[in-house]
Amino acid sequence: MLSLIGIDVAKHTFDIAAQQPNGKYRTKAKLTNNEAGFQVLQEWLHKHSGPGAWVVMEATGIHHEALAEWLLERGYQVCILNPAQIAHYARSQLQRVKTDKVDSKLIAEYGERHRDELRPWQPDSKAERRLKALVRRLGDLQEIKQMELNRLEVADASVQASIRSVLEHIERQIEETLKAIDDHIDDDPDLRGKRDLLISIDGIADKTAALLLAELGNPLRFTSSRAVTAFAGLNPRLQESGSYRGQTRISKMGSSRLRAGLYMPSICALQHNEAIKAMSERLKSRGKTGKQIVCAAMRKLLNIAYGVLKSGQPFDVKLALAH
């Protein structure tokens, strides 16, 4: 019986593959990404896999979520991989052909080789999912607003009234979305408690707290502060080879929303958070640049946020200074 299945999910279809003991693959292609396709998959799994088998797939926006939840409800262990992991693995294997069928085999092969590193996936709660949708919609609206402001700067007088009308509508939408976020958090005891913990940190206000709660989800799914840092793409990326020492940069292989949302709070924390101010002084004395210090402040602020959420205790500056 097969104990690990790889699935390549697209918007409308998905392909499945599993490596057999003889090294060949058992596959099934172009199942529809809906309830009908799920039923075909269930028949295939009942025939070829045992209970509790691993099912490995890539995160594909929202297209994988319904299938992943469906599998989880039926007792399968689901692992959702960062697409970058599979992309890098494909390059390491010198993959020259890219099709959905080939990708499903590649995902299955990666899962087999890294079976000990697979982490079970758990879906966001309904409250977390709604908060994420609202926060991301707020970000979209703010981007649209900035685009319209940019247009207004260079627009001909004949269209300026139209642009201002659009801006007024967007402003109303932003205000309504901000209120919806606040009301949603206030109405949920768990989210409200976590929000209150986060805003106890100097540098984090309601808007940043909402972003952190939306993007991080359940903090207990992270094994350490390093895992949270990597999730945000704020982990340092060293460039060294022999005697060569390149410039250290952040990896940026993570949530761009978190990185963007932490920038201004970190600038504020450099002025008002004693633990981050102390870290900044240490880095300045070691000759670090302003950009490096801001990145370090973003990491520190994120790690403090993770700490208060995991411990359930408000921010303690003395404890933060000790670390």
Protein backbone atom coordinates (compact mmCIF):
# COMPACT_ATOMS: atom_id res chain seq x y z
CA MET A 1 0.00 0.00 0.00
CA LEU A 2 1.20 3.50 -0.80
CA SER A 3 2.03 5.64 2.24
CA LEU A 4 2.85 8.96 0.52
CA ILE A 5 1.06 10.66 -2.34
CA GLY A 6 2.10 13.81 -4.18
CA ILE A 7 -0.57 16.10 -5.63
CA ASP A 8 -0.04 18.98 -8.04
CA VAL A 9 -3.02 21.32 -7.70
CA ALA A 10 -4.16 23.84 -10.31
CA LYS A 11 -7.21 26.10 -10.33
CA HIS A 12 -9.53 23.62 -12.04
CA THR A 13 -7.71 20.26 -11.89
CA PHE A 14 -5.15 18.27 -9.94
CA ASP A 15 -2.77 15.38 -10.71
CA ILE A 16 -1.70 12.66 -8.27
CA ALA A 17 1.38 10.46 -8.14
CA ALA A 18 2.94 7.99 -5.71
CA GLN A 19 6.23 6.16 -5.86
CA GLN A 20 5.97 2.37 -5.69
CA PRO A 21 8.57 0.04 -4.12
CA ASN A 22 9.98 -0.74 -7.58
CA GLY A 23 10.70 2.95 -8.15
CA LYS A 24 7.96 3.45 -10.73
CA TYR A 25 5.05 5.80 -10.20
CA ARG A 26 1.35 5.16 -9.96
CA THR A 27 -0.44 8.23 -11.32
CA LYS A 28 -3.84 9.64 -12.15
CA ALA A 29 -4.18 12.86 -14.14
CA LYS A 30 -6.58 15.77 -14.56
CA LEU A 31 -9.05 15.15 -11.76
CA THR A 32 -11.43 18.07 -11.40
CA ASN A 33 -10.69 20.32 -8.42
CA ASN A 34 -14.18 19.99 -6.95
CA GLU A 35 -16.32 17.48 -5.09
CA ALA A 36 -16.61 15.18 -8.13
CA GLY A 37 -12.83 14.99 -8.46
CA PHE A 38 -12.45 14.47 -4.73
CA GLN A 39 -14.70 11.41 -4.94
CA VAL A 40 -12.55 9.94 -7.72
CA LEU A 41 -9.49 10.59 -5.55
CA GLN A 42 -11.17 8.87 -2.59
CA GLU A 43 -11.76 5.71 -4.68
CA TRP A 44 -8.12 5.80 -5.83
CA LEU A 45 -6.83 6.25 -2.28
CA HIS A 46 -9.02 3.44 -0.91
CA LYS A 47 -7.60 1.15 -3.58
CA HIS A 48 -3.93 2.10 -3.37
CA SER A 49 -3.13 3.68 0.01
CA GLY A 50 -3.46 2.83 3.67
CA PRO A 51 -5.14 4.86 6.40
CA GLY A 52 -3.15 7.82 7.67
CA ALA A 53 -1.04 8.14 4.50
CA TRP A 54 0.81 11.38 3.88
CA VAL A 55 -0.55 13.59 1.12
CA VAL A 56 1.90 16.28 0.04
CA MET A 57 1.06 19.31 -2.11
CA GLU A 58 2.22 22.85 -2.80
CA ALA A 59 0.53 25.98 -1.54
CA THR A 60 -1.25 27.42 -4.58
CA GLY A 61 -3.01 30.54 -3.38
CA ILE A 62 -6.42 29.30 -2.28
CA HIS A 63 -6.79 26.54 -4.88
CA HIS A 64 -5.36 23.79 -2.66
CA GLU A 65 -7.37 24.60 0.46
CA ALA A 66 -10.64 22.79 -0.28
CA LEU A 67 -8.81 19.59 -1.25
CA ALA A 68 -6.48 19.79 1.75
CA GLU A 69 -9.40 20.23 4.17
CA TRP A 70 -11.31 17.40 2.49
CA LEU A 71 -8.33 15.05 2.92
CA LEU A 72 -7.79 16.11 6.52
CA GLU A 73 -11.41 15.34 7.38
CA ARG A 74 -10.87 11.79 6.10
CA GLY A 75 -7.87 11.05 8.29
CA TYR A 76 -4.99 11.67 5.90
CA GLN A 77 -1.87 13.52 7.01
CA VAL A 78 -1.59 16.61 4.85
CA CYS A 79 1.61 18.58 4.30
CA ILE A 80 1.52 21.89 2.43
CA LEU A 81 4.91 22.85 0.98
CA ASN A 82 6.23 26.26 0.03
CA PRO A 83 6.38 26.27 -3.81
CA ALA A 84 9.97 27.53 -3.56
CA GLN A 85 10.97 24.20 -1.98
CA ILE A 86 9.75 22.24 -4.99
CA ALA A 87 11.16 24.78 -7.46
CA HIS A 88 14.62 24.53 -5.90
CA TYR A 89 14.37 20.75 -5.73
CA ALA A 90 13.41 20.62 -9.43
CA ARG A 91 16.51 22.65 -10.31
CA SER A 92 18.69 20.39 -8.19
CA GLN A 93 17.37 17.42 -10.17
CA LEU A 94 18.01 19.24 -13.49
CA GLN A 95 14.34 18.92 -14.42
CA ARG A 96 13.88 19.88 -18.06
CA VAL A 97 10.20 19.07 -18.52
CA LYS A 98 7.41 20.79 -16.60
CA THR A 99 3.90 19.37 -16.75
CA ASP A 100 1.30 18.78 -14.05
CA LYS A 101 2.00 15.04 -14.17
CA VAL A 102 5.75 15.56 -13.87
CA ASP A 103 5.23 18.02 -11.02
CA SER A 104 3.06 15.57 -9.07
CA LYS A 105 5.84 12.96 -9.36
CA LEU A 106 8.40 15.53 -8.25
CA ILE A 107 6.31 16.45 -5.19
CA ALA A 108 5.95 12.75 -4.30
CA GLU A 109 9.71 12.22 -4.73
CA TYR A 110 10.49 15.25 -2.57
CA GLY A 111 8.08 14.00 0.10
CA GLU A 112 9.71 10.56 0.15
CA ARG A 113 13.21 12.02 0.47
CA HIS A 114 12.16 14.45 3.22
CA ARG A 115 9.58 12.31 4.98
CA ASP A 116 11.13 12.95 8.41
CA GLU A 117 10.81 16.71 7.87
CA LEU A 118 7.15 16.76 6.81
CA ARG A 119 4.93 18.82 9.12
CA PRO A 120 1.18 18.21 9.41
CA TRP A 121 -0.94 21.05 8.06
CA GLN A 122 -3.88 22.45 9.96
CA PRO A 123 -6.39 24.84 8.37
CA ASP A 124 -7.05 28.26 9.81
CA SER A 125 -10.12 28.59 11.99
CA LYS A 126 -13.13 30.39 10.50
CA ALA A 127 -12.31 33.45 12.60
CA GLU A 128 -8.68 33.47 11.40
CA ARG A 129 -9.76 32.97 7.80
CA ARG A 130 -12.19 35.89 7.95
CA LEU A 131 -9.55 38.11 9.56
CA LYS A 132 -7.01 37.21 6.89
CA ALA A 133 -9.52 38.03 4.14
CA LEU A 134 -10.32 41.41 5.70
CA VAL A 135 -6.67 42.35 6.33
CA ARG A 136 -5.63 41.38 2.81
CA ARG A 137 -8.54 43.30 1.36
CA LEU A 138 -7.40 46.33 3.34
CA GLY A 139 -3.95 45.97 1.83
CA ASP A 140 -5.44 45.76 -1.68
CA LEU A 141 -7.48 48.91 -1.10
CA GLN A 142 -4.46 50.80 0.17
CA GLU A 143 -2.49 49.78 -2.93
CA ILE A 144 -5.33 50.98 -5.19
CA LYS A 145 -5.47 54.26 -3.28
CA GLN A 146 -1.75 54.84 -3.81
CA MET A 147 -2.08 54.06 -7.52
CA GLU A 148 -4.87 56.61 -7.87
CA LEU A 149 -2.87 59.21 -5.94
CA ASN A 150 0.04 58.64 -8.30
CA ARG A 151 -2.28 59.11 -11.28
CA LEU A 152 -3.70 62.29 -9.79
CA GLU A 153 -0.23 63.87 -9.67
CA VAL A 154 0.18 63.69 -13.46
CA ALA A 155 -3.43 63.58 -14.64
CA ASP A 156 -4.93 66.07 -17.07
CA ALA A 157 -7.45 68.43 -15.52
CA SER A 158 -10.23 66.74 -17.50
CA VAL A 159 -9.92 63.47 -15.52
CA GLN A 160 -8.92 64.76 -12.08
CA ALA A 161 -12.53 64.92 -10.88
CA SER A 162 -13.00 61.26 -11.82
CA ILE A 163 -9.86 60.24 -9.95
CA ARG A 164 -10.93 62.19 -6.85
CA SER A 165 -14.32 60.49 -6.98
CA VAL A 166 -12.63 57.08 -7.06
CA LEU A 167 -10.37 58.11 -4.17
CA GLU A 168 -13.37 59.16 -2.08
CA HIS A 169 -14.99 55.78 -2.69
CA ILE A 170 -11.77 53.93 -1.80
CA GLU A 171 -11.40 55.97 1.39
CA ARG A 172 -14.90 54.93 2.44
CA GLN A 173 -14.08 51.30 1.67
CA ILE A 174 -10.87 51.53 3.73
CA GLU A 175 -12.74 53.01 6.69
CA GLU A 176 -15.43 50.31 6.46
CA THR A 177 -12.82 47.56 6.23
CA LEU A 178 -10.87 48.91 9.21
CA LYS A 179 -14.08 48.97 11.24
CA ALA A 180 -14.92 45.42 10.12
CA ILE A 181 -11.46 44.26 11.25
CA ASP A 182 -11.80 45.94 14.65
CA ASP A 183 -15.33 44.59 15.16
CA HIS A 184 -14.31 41.07 14.14
CA ILE A 185 -11.40 41.03 16.60
CA ASP A 186 -13.48 42.57 19.37
CA ASP A 187 -16.24 39.97 18.88
CA ASP A 188 -13.86 36.99 19.08
CA PRO A 189 -12.42 36.39 22.60
CA ASP A 190 -9.35 34.52 21.31
CA LEU A 191 -8.42 37.15 18.71
CA ARG A 192 -9.17 39.95 21.16
CA GLY A 193 -6.87 38.44 23.78
CA LYS A 194 -4.06 37.99 21.26
CA ARG A 195 -4.54 41.54 19.95
CA ASP A 196 -4.24 42.91 23.48
CA LEU A 197 -1.00 40.97 23.98
CA LEU A 198 0.47 42.34 20.76
CA ILE A 199 -0.39 45.98 21.41
CA SER A 200 1.39 45.73 24.76
CA ILE A 201 4.59 45.79 22.67
CA ASP A 202 6.01 49.26 22.04
CA GLY A 203 5.88 49.76 18.28
CA ILE A 204 2.81 47.63 17.57
CA ALA A 205 -0.65 49.20 17.31
CA ASP A 206 -4.02 47.77 16.30
CA LYS A 207 -3.38 47.71 12.55
CA THR A 208 -0.07 45.84 12.85
CA ALA A 209 -1.57 43.50 15.45
CA ALA A 210 -4.34 42.60 12.98
CA LEU A 211 -1.76 41.93 10.26
CA LEU A 212 0.29 39.68 12.55
CA LEU A 213 -2.77 37.72 13.66
CA ALA A 214 -3.96 37.33 10.06
CA GLU A 215 -0.64 36.21 8.59
CA LEU A 216 0.78 34.15 11.47
CA GLY A 217 -2.44 32.39 12.41
CA ASN A 218 -1.95 30.03 15.34
CA PRO A 219 1.54 30.80 16.73
CA LEU A 220 1.84 27.28 18.15
CA ARG A 221 2.28 25.92 14.63
CA PHE A 222 5.78 27.40 14.66
CA THR A 223 8.43 25.41 16.52
CA SER A 224 10.65 28.39 17.32
CA SER A 225 11.27 32.08 16.73
CA ARG A 226 13.64 31.06 13.94
CA ALA A 227 10.75 29.36 12.16
CA VAL A 228 8.68 32.55 12.43
CA THR A 229 11.60 34.60 11.09
CA ALA A 230 11.96 32.23 8.12
CA PHE A 231 8.19 32.35 7.50
CA ALA A 232 8.48 36.12 7.09
CA GLY A 233 11.59 35.84 4.90
CA LEU A 234 13.60 37.91 7.40
CA ASN A 235 16.28 35.30 8.05
CA PRO A 236 19.82 36.34 7.02
CA ARG A 237 21.15 34.89 3.79
CA LEU A 238 24.92 34.53 3.92
CA GLN A 239 27.06 34.62 0.76
CA GLU A 240 30.38 32.95 1.45
CA SER A 241 32.65 30.79 -0.67
CA GLY A 242 36.27 30.12 0.20
CA SER A 243 37.83 33.45 1.09
CA TYR A 244 34.94 35.37 -0.50
CA ARG A 245 32.59 37.11 1.94
CA GLY A 246 29.59 38.64 0.19
CA GLN A 247 27.04 41.02 1.59
CA THR A 248 24.56 39.49 4.03
CA ARG A 249 20.97 40.06 2.99
CA ILE A 250 17.60 38.81 4.16
CA SER A 251 16.30 35.80 2.23
CA LYS A 252 12.90 37.33 1.29
CA MET A 253 11.68 33.74 0.89
CA GLY A 254 8.56 34.20 2.95
CA SER A 255 5.54 36.42 3.53
CA SER A 256 6.05 39.72 1.72
CA ARG A 257 2.95 41.06 3.49
CA LEU A 258 4.58 40.56 6.89
CA ARG A 259 7.82 42.20 5.78
CA ALA A 260 6.02 45.21 4.32
CA GLY A 261 3.75 45.51 7.35
CA LEU A 262 6.61 45.35 9.86
CA TYR A 263 8.74 48.08 8.29
CA MET A 264 7.08 51.19 9.75
CA PRO A 265 6.37 49.60 13.18
CA SER A 266 10.06 48.70 13.39
CA ILE A 267 11.07 52.29 12.61
CA CYS A 268 8.77 53.35 15.45
CA ALA A 269 10.16 50.65 17.75
CA LEU A 270 13.71 51.90 17.12
CA GLN A 271 12.61 55.12 18.80
CA HIS A 272 10.27 53.87 21.51
CA ASN A 273 10.99 50.21 22.33
CA GLU A 274 13.86 49.98 24.83
CA ALA A 275 14.81 46.42 23.87
CA ILE A 276 15.05 47.27 20.18
CA LYS A 277 16.82 50.57 20.90
CA ALA A 278 19.45 48.66 22.90
CA MET A 279 19.90 46.18 20.04
CA SER A 280 20.27 49.08 17.62
CA GLU A 281 23.05 50.64 19.71
CA ARG A 282 24.93 47.33 19.80
CA LEU A 283 24.68 46.96 16.04
CA LYS A 284 25.80 50.56 15.43
CA SER A 285 28.88 49.97 17.58
CA ARG A 286 29.71 47.00 15.35
CA GLY A 287 29.51 49.15 12.22
CA LYS A 288 26.20 47.87 10.85
CA THR A 289 24.42 50.02 8.28
CA GLY A 290 21.05 51.66 8.77
CA LYS A 291 19.34 49.15 6.47
CA GLN A 292 20.84 46.21 8.38
CA ILE A 293 19.67 47.71 11.67
CA VAL A 294 16.11 48.17 10.38
CA CYS A 295 16.02 44.55 9.18
CA ALA A 296 17.31 43.41 12.57
CA ALA A 297 14.63 45.53 14.26
CA MET A 298 11.96 43.87 12.12
CA ARG A 299 13.24 40.43 13.16
CA LYS A 300 13.39 41.44 16.82
CA LEU A 301 9.89 42.90 16.78
CA LEU A 302 8.50 39.78 15.10
CA ASN A 303 10.26 37.52 17.60
CA ILE A 304 8.90 39.56 20.52
CA ALA A 305 5.40 39.29 19.03
CA TYR A 306 5.81 35.53 18.68
CA GLY A 307 7.04 35.33 22.28
CA VAL A 308 4.06 37.12 23.80
CA LEU A 309 1.58 35.12 21.71
CA LYS A 310 3.19 31.81 22.62
CA SER A 311 3.58 32.61 26.32
CA GLY A 312 0.27 34.42 26.71
CA GLN A 313 2.05 37.10 28.73
CA PRO A 314 2.20 40.83 27.89
CA PHE A 315 5.45 42.42 26.75
CA ASP A 316 8.05 42.68 29.50
CA VAL A 317 10.87 45.01 28.50
CA LYS A 318 13.21 43.59 31.16
CA LEU A 319 12.77 40.09 29.79
CA ALA A 320 13.28 41.34 26.23
CA LEU A 321 16.49 43.18 27.25
CA ALA A 322 17.79 39.97 28.82
CA HIS A 323 17.54 38.28 25.43
